[in-house]
Amino acid sequence: ADSMYEFSVRISEGTNEGKWSISVFQRTPESAPSGPPENFEVKPLRGKGTAVKATWDPPEEPNGRIKEYILSYAPAMKPFGLKTVTYRGSTTTATIEGLTPGDRYIFKIRATNRRGQGPQSKAISIAIPQTDATSVDKGSTSVGRPNSPGFG
């Protein structure tokens, strides 16, 4: 799709061949990407327990110039918490922050061009590592004072 072709013809009979005709050029129309972005990967970002790095390559058949990529993600146990982030068509890497340590997330991506959206990638499931900073310290307790405001 969105390719330029050159056509010309000539007559041949046996060993006799005529001259080539004048060339005619024709462009095929652009269409939405036929497949999802290739090599989609999502990995926890080292040193940041609340972020992942996503990488991908353009679709094998973009059918035109990729305008943008749409990355969607949601907690595995809360699919209604879906979030979508859009990246320019020249981008093939992204950092997604603000994830909850200890939760599992599902990630998908699709490409778009001016004719529409391509299909989504296969879902990638990633467990965000539980970090020491987010685990509850079992040794400490919190004690309320009876005279403090709001203490019933």
N, C-alpha and C. Protein backbone atom coordinates (compact mmCIF):
# COMPACT_ATOMS: atom_id res chain seq x y z
N ALA A 1 0.84 -1.19 0.00
CA ALA A 1 0.00 0.00 0.00
C ALA A 1 0.88 1.24 0.00
N ASP A 2 0.34 2.30 -0.51
CA ASP A 2 1.03 3.58 -0.64
C ASP A 2 2.37 3.41 -1.35
N SER A 3 2.33 2.66 -2.46
CA SER A 3 3.53 2.46 -3.26
C SER A 3 3.29 2.98 -4.67
N MET A 4 4.36 3.41 -5.33
CA MET A 4 4.28 3.90 -6.70
C MET A 4 4.72 2.79 -7.64
N TYR A 5 3.91 2.54 -8.68
CA TYR A 5 4.23 1.52 -9.68
C TYR A 5 4.31 2.15 -11.06
N GLU A 6 5.18 1.60 -11.90
CA GLU A 6 5.33 2.05 -13.28
C GLU A 6 4.86 0.91 -14.18
N PHE A 7 3.99 1.24 -15.14
CA PHE A 7 3.47 0.24 -16.07
C PHE A 7 3.80 0.66 -17.50
N SER A 8 4.21 -0.32 -18.31
CA SER A 8 4.32 -0.11 -19.75
C SER A 8 4.16 -1.48 -20.40
N VAL A 9 3.74 -1.48 -21.65
CA VAL A 9 3.49 -2.74 -22.34
C VAL A 9 4.18 -2.75 -23.70
N ARG A 10 4.33 -3.95 -24.26
CA ARG A 10 4.81 -4.08 -25.62
C ARG A 10 4.24 -5.37 -26.20
N ILE A 11 4.13 -5.40 -27.47
CA ILE A 11 3.59 -6.56 -28.18
C ILE A 11 4.77 -7.43 -28.61
N SER A 12 4.58 -8.72 -28.48
CA SER A 12 5.59 -9.64 -29.00
C SER A 12 4.87 -10.82 -29.66
N GLU A 13 5.45 -11.26 -30.79
CA GLU A 13 4.89 -12.40 -31.52
C GLU A 13 6.08 -13.19 -32.02
N GLY A 14 6.27 -14.38 -31.43
CA GLY A 14 7.44 -15.17 -31.80
C GLY A 14 8.70 -14.45 -31.37
N THR A 15 9.59 -14.21 -32.35
CA THR A 15 10.84 -13.50 -32.03
C THR A 15 10.72 -12.01 -32.30
N ASN A 16 9.60 -11.57 -32.84
CA ASN A 16 9.40 -10.14 -33.11
C ASN A 16 8.83 -9.45 -31.87
N GLU A 17 9.46 -8.34 -31.49
CA GLU A 17 8.99 -7.58 -30.35
C GLU A 17 8.82 -6.13 -30.74
N GLY A 18 7.71 -5.56 -30.29
CA GLY A 18 7.45 -4.14 -30.56
C GLY A 18 8.16 -3.26 -29.54
N LYS A 19 7.94 -1.95 -29.70
CA LYS A 19 8.53 -0.98 -28.78
C LYS A 19 7.68 -0.93 -27.50
N TRP A 20 8.33 -0.55 -26.39
CA TRP A 20 7.61 -0.36 -25.13
C TRP A 20 6.73 0.87 -25.25
N SER A 21 5.57 0.81 -24.66
CA SER A 21 4.67 1.97 -24.65
C SER A 21 5.22 3.03 -23.68
N ILE A 22 4.60 4.19 -23.71
CA ILE A 22 4.93 5.25 -22.75
C ILE A 22 4.53 4.73 -21.36
N SER A 23 5.37 5.02 -20.37
CA SER A 23 5.09 4.57 -19.00
C SER A 23 3.91 5.32 -18.39
N VAL A 24 3.15 4.58 -17.59
CA VAL A 24 2.06 5.15 -16.81
C VAL A 24 2.40 4.85 -15.35
N PHE A 25 2.25 5.85 -14.49
CA PHE A 25 2.55 5.67 -13.07
C PHE A 25 1.25 5.64 -12.28
N GLN A 26 1.21 4.73 -11.32
CA GLN A 26 0.00 4.61 -10.49
C GLN A 26 0.43 4.35 -9.04
N ARG A 27 -0.19 5.07 -8.13
CA ARG A 27 0.07 4.87 -6.70
C ARG A 27 -1.07 4.07 -6.09
N THR A 28 -0.71 3.05 -5.30
CA THR A 28 -1.75 2.29 -4.60
C THR A 28 -2.13 3.08 -3.35
N PRO A 29 -3.38 3.02 -2.94
CA PRO A 29 -3.81 3.82 -1.80
C PRO A 29 -3.25 3.29 -0.48
N GLU A 30 -3.06 4.22 0.46
CA GLU A 30 -2.62 3.86 1.80
C GLU A 30 -3.77 3.19 2.53
N SER A 31 -3.45 2.24 3.40
CA SER A 31 -4.48 1.60 4.23
C SER A 31 -3.91 1.44 5.64
N ALA A 32 -4.77 1.12 6.59
CA ALA A 32 -4.33 0.95 7.98
C ALA A 32 -3.27 -0.15 8.05
N PRO A 33 -2.39 -0.08 9.05
CA PRO A 33 -1.37 -1.12 9.19
C PRO A 33 -1.99 -2.51 9.24
N SER A 34 -1.36 -3.47 8.56
CA SER A 34 -1.90 -4.84 8.49
C SER A 34 -1.61 -5.66 9.73
N GLY A 35 -0.52 -5.31 10.43
CA GLY A 35 -0.14 -6.08 11.60
C GLY A 35 0.25 -5.18 12.75
N PRO A 36 0.45 -5.77 13.91
CA PRO A 36 0.85 -4.99 15.09
C PRO A 36 2.34 -4.65 15.01
N PRO A 37 2.79 -3.74 15.88
CA PRO A 37 4.22 -3.49 15.95
C PRO A 37 4.96 -4.80 16.28
N GLU A 38 6.16 -4.93 15.74
CA GLU A 38 6.96 -6.15 15.90
C GLU A 38 7.81 -6.07 17.17
N ASN A 39 8.19 -7.24 17.68
CA ASN A 39 9.16 -7.37 18.78
C ASN A 39 8.81 -6.54 20.00
N PHE A 40 7.53 -6.50 20.36
CA PHE A 40 7.07 -5.73 21.52
C PHE A 40 7.55 -6.41 22.80
N GLU A 41 8.26 -5.65 23.63
CA GLU A 41 8.76 -6.16 24.91
C GLU A 41 8.53 -5.13 26.00
N VAL A 42 8.24 -5.60 27.21
CA VAL A 42 8.07 -4.73 28.37
C VAL A 42 8.87 -5.36 29.50
N LYS A 43 9.76 -4.56 30.11
CA LYS A 43 10.60 -5.07 31.19
C LYS A 43 10.63 -4.08 32.34
N PRO A 44 10.68 -4.58 33.59
CA PRO A 44 10.81 -3.68 34.73
C PRO A 44 12.08 -2.85 34.60
N LEU A 45 12.01 -1.59 34.98
CA LEU A 45 13.15 -0.69 34.91
C LEU A 45 13.98 -0.85 36.18
N ARG A 46 15.23 -1.20 36.03
CA ARG A 46 16.10 -1.43 37.19
C ARG A 46 16.23 -0.15 38.02
N GLY A 47 16.15 -0.33 39.31
CA GLY A 47 16.32 0.82 40.20
C GLY A 47 15.05 1.62 40.40
N LYS A 48 14.02 1.35 39.62
CA LYS A 48 12.74 2.05 39.79
C LYS A 48 11.65 1.00 39.91
N GLY A 49 11.17 0.77 41.11
CA GLY A 49 10.18 -0.27 41.34
C GLY A 49 8.80 0.07 40.83
N THR A 50 8.62 1.27 40.29
CA THR A 50 7.29 1.68 39.83
C THR A 50 7.25 1.98 38.34
N ALA A 51 8.27 1.52 37.60
CA ALA A 51 8.33 1.85 36.17
C ALA A 51 8.77 0.64 35.34
N VAL A 52 8.37 0.66 34.05
CA VAL A 52 8.80 -0.35 33.08
C VAL A 52 9.28 0.36 31.83
N LYS A 53 10.07 -0.35 31.05
CA LYS A 53 10.51 0.16 29.75
C LYS A 53 9.90 -0.72 28.67
N ALA A 54 9.23 -0.10 27.72
CA ALA A 54 8.63 -0.81 26.58
C ALA A 54 9.44 -0.49 25.33
N THR A 55 9.67 -1.51 24.51
CA THR A 55 10.36 -1.32 23.24
C THR A 55 9.60 -2.07 22.15
N TRP A 56 9.68 -1.59 20.92
CA TRP A 56 9.01 -2.23 19.79
C TRP A 56 9.63 -1.76 18.49
N ASP A 57 9.31 -2.46 17.43
CA ASP A 57 9.72 -2.10 16.07
C ASP A 57 8.46 -1.81 15.27
N PRO A 58 8.58 -1.07 14.17
CA PRO A 58 7.40 -0.80 13.34
C PRO A 58 6.77 -2.10 12.83
N PRO A 59 5.49 -2.05 12.45
CA PRO A 59 4.85 -3.24 11.88
C PRO A 59 5.56 -3.68 10.62
N GLU A 60 5.47 -4.97 10.33
CA GLU A 60 6.09 -5.50 9.12
C GLU A 60 5.46 -4.88 7.88
N GLU A 61 4.14 -4.65 7.93
CA GLU A 61 3.42 -4.02 6.82
C GLU A 61 2.70 -2.77 7.33
N PRO A 62 3.41 -1.63 7.38
CA PRO A 62 2.78 -0.41 7.89
C PRO A 62 1.73 0.18 6.94
N ASN A 63 1.81 -0.18 5.65
CA ASN A 63 0.86 0.31 4.64
C ASN A 63 0.78 1.82 4.58
N GLY A 64 1.90 2.46 4.79
CA GLY A 64 1.97 3.93 4.78
C GLY A 64 2.91 4.37 5.90
N ARG A 65 2.94 5.66 6.17
CA ARG A 65 3.81 6.21 7.21
C ARG A 65 3.11 6.10 8.56
N ILE A 66 3.78 5.51 9.56
CA ILE A 66 3.20 5.38 10.89
C ILE A 66 3.09 6.77 11.51
N LYS A 67 1.88 7.12 11.93
CA LYS A 67 1.63 8.42 12.54
C LYS A 67 1.89 8.37 14.04
N GLU A 68 1.40 7.31 14.69
CA GLU A 68 1.61 7.19 16.12
C GLU A 68 1.44 5.75 16.58
N TYR A 69 1.92 5.49 17.78
CA TYR A 69 1.73 4.21 18.45
C TYR A 69 0.85 4.46 19.67
N ILE A 70 -0.07 3.54 19.91
CA ILE A 70 -0.96 3.64 21.06
C ILE A 70 -0.66 2.48 21.98
N LEU A 71 -0.10 2.79 23.16
CA LEU A 71 0.24 1.77 24.14
C LEU A 71 -0.84 1.80 25.22
N SER A 72 -1.43 0.64 25.50
CA SER A 72 -2.48 0.52 26.52
C SER A 72 -1.99 -0.42 27.61
N TYR A 73 -2.35 -0.09 28.85
CA TYR A 73 -1.99 -0.98 29.95
C TYR A 73 -3.02 -0.86 31.07
N ALA A 74 -3.12 -1.93 31.85
CA ALA A 74 -4.07 -1.97 32.97
C ALA A 74 -3.59 -3.00 33.97
N PRO A 75 -3.95 -2.79 35.25
CA PRO A 75 -3.67 -3.84 36.23
C PRO A 75 -4.43 -5.10 35.83
N ALA A 76 -3.78 -6.26 35.94
CA ALA A 76 -4.40 -7.52 35.51
C ALA A 76 -5.72 -7.79 36.22
N MET A 77 -5.81 -7.41 37.48
CA MET A 77 -7.02 -7.68 38.26
C MET A 77 -8.04 -6.55 38.18
N LYS A 78 -7.69 -5.46 37.47
CA LYS A 78 -8.60 -4.32 37.35
C LYS A 78 -8.60 -3.82 35.91
N PRO A 79 -9.14 -4.61 34.97
CA PRO A 79 -9.08 -4.20 33.56
C PRO A 79 -9.80 -2.88 33.28
N PHE A 80 -10.72 -2.47 34.17
CA PHE A 80 -11.42 -1.19 33.98
C PHE A 80 -10.47 -0.02 34.26
N GLY A 81 -9.29 -0.30 34.82
CA GLY A 81 -8.31 0.74 35.09
C GLY A 81 -7.39 1.00 33.91
N LEU A 82 -7.86 0.70 32.70
CA LEU A 82 -7.06 0.83 31.47
C LEU A 82 -6.58 2.27 31.27
N LYS A 83 -5.30 2.40 30.93
CA LYS A 83 -4.72 3.70 30.59
C LYS A 83 -4.11 3.57 29.21
N THR A 84 -4.15 4.65 28.47
CA THR A 84 -3.62 4.67 27.11
C THR A 84 -2.66 5.84 26.96
N VAL A 85 -1.50 5.57 26.36
CA VAL A 85 -0.50 6.60 26.11
C VAL A 85 -0.17 6.57 24.62
N THR A 86 -0.09 7.74 24.01
CA THR A 86 0.18 7.85 22.57
C THR A 86 1.60 8.39 22.35
N TYR A 87 2.32 7.77 21.41
CA TYR A 87 3.69 8.18 21.09
C TYR A 87 3.79 8.47 19.60
N ARG A 88 4.68 9.39 19.23
CA ARG A 88 4.90 9.73 17.82
C ARG A 88 5.38 8.52 17.04
N GLY A 89 5.11 8.50 15.74
CA GLY A 89 5.46 7.38 14.89
C GLY A 89 6.93 7.09 14.78
N SER A 90 7.78 8.06 15.12
CA SER A 90 9.23 7.85 15.06
C SER A 90 9.76 7.21 16.35
N THR A 91 8.91 7.05 17.35
CA THR A 91 9.31 6.53 18.66
C THR A 91 9.19 5.01 18.69
N THR A 92 10.19 4.34 19.27
CA THR A 92 10.11 2.88 19.41
C THR A 92 10.51 2.44 20.82
N THR A 93 10.48 3.36 21.77
CA THR A 93 10.77 3.04 23.16
C THR A 93 10.00 4.00 24.06
N ALA A 94 9.61 3.50 25.23
CA ALA A 94 8.86 4.35 26.17
C ALA A 94 9.08 3.86 27.58
N THR A 95 9.02 4.79 28.53
CA THR A 95 9.06 4.45 29.94
C THR A 95 7.69 4.76 30.52
N ILE A 96 7.11 3.78 31.19
CA ILE A 96 5.79 3.95 31.81
C ILE A 96 6.02 3.95 33.32
N GLU A 97 5.65 5.06 33.96
CA GLU A 97 5.90 5.22 35.39
C GLU A 97 4.59 5.21 36.18
N GLY A 98 4.73 5.21 37.49
CA GLY A 98 3.56 5.30 38.36
C GLY A 98 2.83 3.98 38.55
N LEU A 99 3.53 2.86 38.33
CA LEU A 99 2.92 1.54 38.51
C LEU A 99 3.03 1.13 39.98
N THR A 100 2.15 0.25 40.40
CA THR A 100 2.12 -0.18 41.80
C THR A 100 2.98 -1.43 42.00
N PRO A 101 4.01 -1.34 42.87
CA PRO A 101 4.84 -2.51 43.14
C PRO A 101 3.99 -3.66 43.67
N GLY A 102 4.31 -4.86 43.20
CA GLY A 102 3.58 -6.04 43.63
C GLY A 102 2.39 -6.36 42.75
N ASP A 103 1.96 -5.44 41.91
CA ASP A 103 0.81 -5.68 41.01
C ASP A 103 1.29 -6.23 39.68
N ARG A 104 0.42 -6.97 39.01
CA ARG A 104 0.67 -7.48 37.66
C ARG A 104 -0.09 -6.58 36.68
N TYR A 105 0.57 -6.21 35.57
CA TYR A 105 -0.03 -5.37 34.55
C TYR A 105 -0.04 -6.08 33.20
N ILE A 106 -1.02 -5.73 32.38
CA ILE A 106 -1.14 -6.23 31.02
C ILE A 106 -0.86 -5.05 30.08
N PHE A 107 0.04 -5.26 29.10
CA PHE A 107 0.41 -4.22 28.13
C PHE A 107 0.10 -4.68 26.71
N LYS A 108 -0.39 -3.74 25.87
CA LYS A 108 -0.61 -3.99 24.44
C LYS A 108 -0.24 -2.72 23.69
N ILE A 109 0.08 -2.88 22.40
CA ILE A 109 0.41 -1.72 21.58
C ILE A 109 -0.15 -1.91 20.18
N ARG A 110 -0.46 -0.80 19.51
CA ARG A 110 -0.89 -0.84 18.11
C ARG A 110 -0.33 0.39 17.40
N ALA A 111 -0.22 0.29 16.08
CA ALA A 111 0.28 1.40 15.26
C ALA A 111 -0.90 2.02 14.50
N THR A 112 -0.76 3.32 14.19
CA THR A 112 -1.77 3.98 13.38
C THR A 112 -1.08 4.77 12.26
N ASN A 113 -1.79 4.90 11.16
CA ASN A 113 -1.36 5.82 10.11
C ASN A 113 -2.57 6.68 9.77
N ARG A 114 -2.49 7.47 8.72
CA ARG A 114 -3.61 8.38 8.45
C ARG A 114 -4.88 7.66 8.00
N ARG A 115 -4.78 6.36 7.69
CA ARG A 115 -5.95 5.58 7.28
C ARG A 115 -6.60 4.80 8.42
N GLY A 116 -5.96 4.79 9.60
CA GLY A 116 -6.58 4.11 10.72
C GLY A 116 -5.63 3.33 11.59
N GLN A 117 -6.21 2.57 12.51
CA GLN A 117 -5.44 1.79 13.47
C GLN A 117 -5.22 0.37 12.98
N GLY A 118 -4.04 -0.15 13.26
CA GLY A 118 -3.74 -1.54 12.99
C GLY A 118 -4.16 -2.39 14.18
N PRO A 119 -4.01 -3.71 14.07
CA PRO A 119 -4.39 -4.59 15.17
C PRO A 119 -3.45 -4.44 16.36
N GLN A 120 -3.96 -4.81 17.54
CA GLN A 120 -3.14 -4.76 18.75
C GLN A 120 -2.16 -5.93 18.78
N SER A 121 -1.07 -5.71 19.48
CA SER A 121 -0.10 -6.77 19.71
C SER A 121 -0.70 -7.80 20.65
N LYS A 122 -0.02 -8.91 20.81
CA LYS A 122 -0.39 -9.87 21.85
C LYS A 122 -0.14 -9.19 23.19
N ALA A 123 -0.93 -9.57 24.18
CA ALA A 123 -0.78 -8.98 25.51
C ALA A 123 0.50 -9.48 26.17
N ILE A 124 1.17 -8.58 26.86
CA ILE A 124 2.34 -8.93 27.65
C ILE A 124 1.97 -8.69 29.11
N SER A 125 2.20 -9.69 29.94
CA SER A 125 1.89 -9.60 31.36
C SER A 125 3.19 -9.45 32.15
N ILE A 126 3.27 -8.42 32.98
CA ILE A 126 4.48 -8.14 33.76
C ILE A 126 4.10 -7.92 35.22
N ALA A 127 4.81 -8.60 36.11
CA ALA A 127 4.63 -8.37 37.54
C ALA A 127 5.64 -7.30 37.96
N ILE A 128 5.14 -6.24 38.57
CA ILE A 128 6.02 -5.18 39.05
C ILE A 128 6.63 -5.69 40.36
N PRO A 129 7.97 -5.70 40.46
CA PRO A 129 8.61 -6.26 41.66
C PRO A 129 8.18 -5.54 42.93
N GLN A 130 7.99 -6.32 43.98
CA GLN A 130 7.73 -5.76 45.31
C GLN A 130 9.07 -5.26 45.82
N THR A 131 9.13 -4.02 46.30
CA THR A 131 10.40 -3.47 46.78
C THR A 131 10.38 -3.39 48.30
N ASP A 132 11.56 -3.33 48.89
CA ASP A 132 11.67 -3.21 50.35
C ASP A 132 10.99 -1.94 50.84
N ALA A 133 11.09 -0.88 50.07
CA ALA A 133 10.52 0.39 50.49
C ALA A 133 9.00 0.34 50.58
N THR A 134 8.39 -0.57 49.82
CA THR A 134 6.92 -0.62 49.81
C THR A 134 6.37 -1.71 50.71
N SER A 135 7.23 -2.58 51.23
CA SER A 135 6.72 -3.63 52.10
C SER A 135 6.50 -3.06 53.50
N VAL A 136 5.56 -3.62 54.20
CA VAL A 136 5.22 -3.13 55.53
C VAL A 136 6.24 -3.67 56.53
N ASP A 137 6.76 -2.78 57.36
CA ASP A 137 7.69 -3.19 58.40
C ASP A 137 6.88 -3.74 59.56
N LYS A 138 6.97 -5.05 59.77
CA LYS A 138 6.15 -5.71 60.78
C LYS A 138 6.60 -5.36 62.20
N GLY A 139 7.79 -4.82 62.36
CA GLY A 139 8.30 -4.54 63.69
C GLY A 139 7.77 -3.25 64.29
N SER A 140 7.23 -2.36 63.50
CA SER A 140 6.76 -1.09 64.05
C SER A 140 5.25 -1.10 64.19
N THR A 141 4.78 -0.41 65.19
CA THR A 141 3.34 -0.27 65.38
C THR A 141 3.05 1.20 65.56
N SER A 142 1.86 1.60 65.24
CA SER A 142 1.51 2.99 65.41
C SER A 142 0.53 3.06 66.56
N VAL A 143 0.78 3.99 67.45
CA VAL A 143 -0.05 4.12 68.65
C VAL A 143 -0.71 5.48 68.64
N GLY A 144 -2.03 5.47 68.75
CA GLY A 144 -2.76 6.74 68.84
C GLY A 144 -2.78 7.25 70.26
N ARG A 145 -2.76 8.58 70.41
CA ARG A 145 -2.84 9.15 71.75
C ARG A 145 -4.28 9.54 72.02
N PRO A 146 -4.79 9.18 73.17
CA PRO A 146 -6.20 9.47 73.46
C PRO A 146 -6.55 10.95 73.39
N ASN A 147 -5.60 11.86 73.62
CA ASN A 147 -5.92 13.30 73.62
C ASN A 147 -5.80 13.93 72.23
N SER A 148 -5.34 13.15 71.23
CA SER A 148 -5.18 13.76 69.91
C SER A 148 -6.52 13.98 69.25
N PRO A 149 -6.64 15.07 68.45
CA PRO A 149 -7.92 15.37 67.78
C PRO A 149 -8.34 14.22 66.88
N GLY A 150 -9.60 13.90 66.86
CA GLY A 150 -10.14 12.88 65.99
C GLY A 150 -10.03 11.48 66.58
N PHE A 151 -9.43 11.36 67.73
CA PHE A 151 -9.32 10.03 68.34
C PHE A 151 -10.56 9.79 69.17
N GLY A 152 -11.30 8.74 68.87
CA GLY A 152 -12.60 8.53 69.49
C GLY A 152 -12.51 7.66 70.64
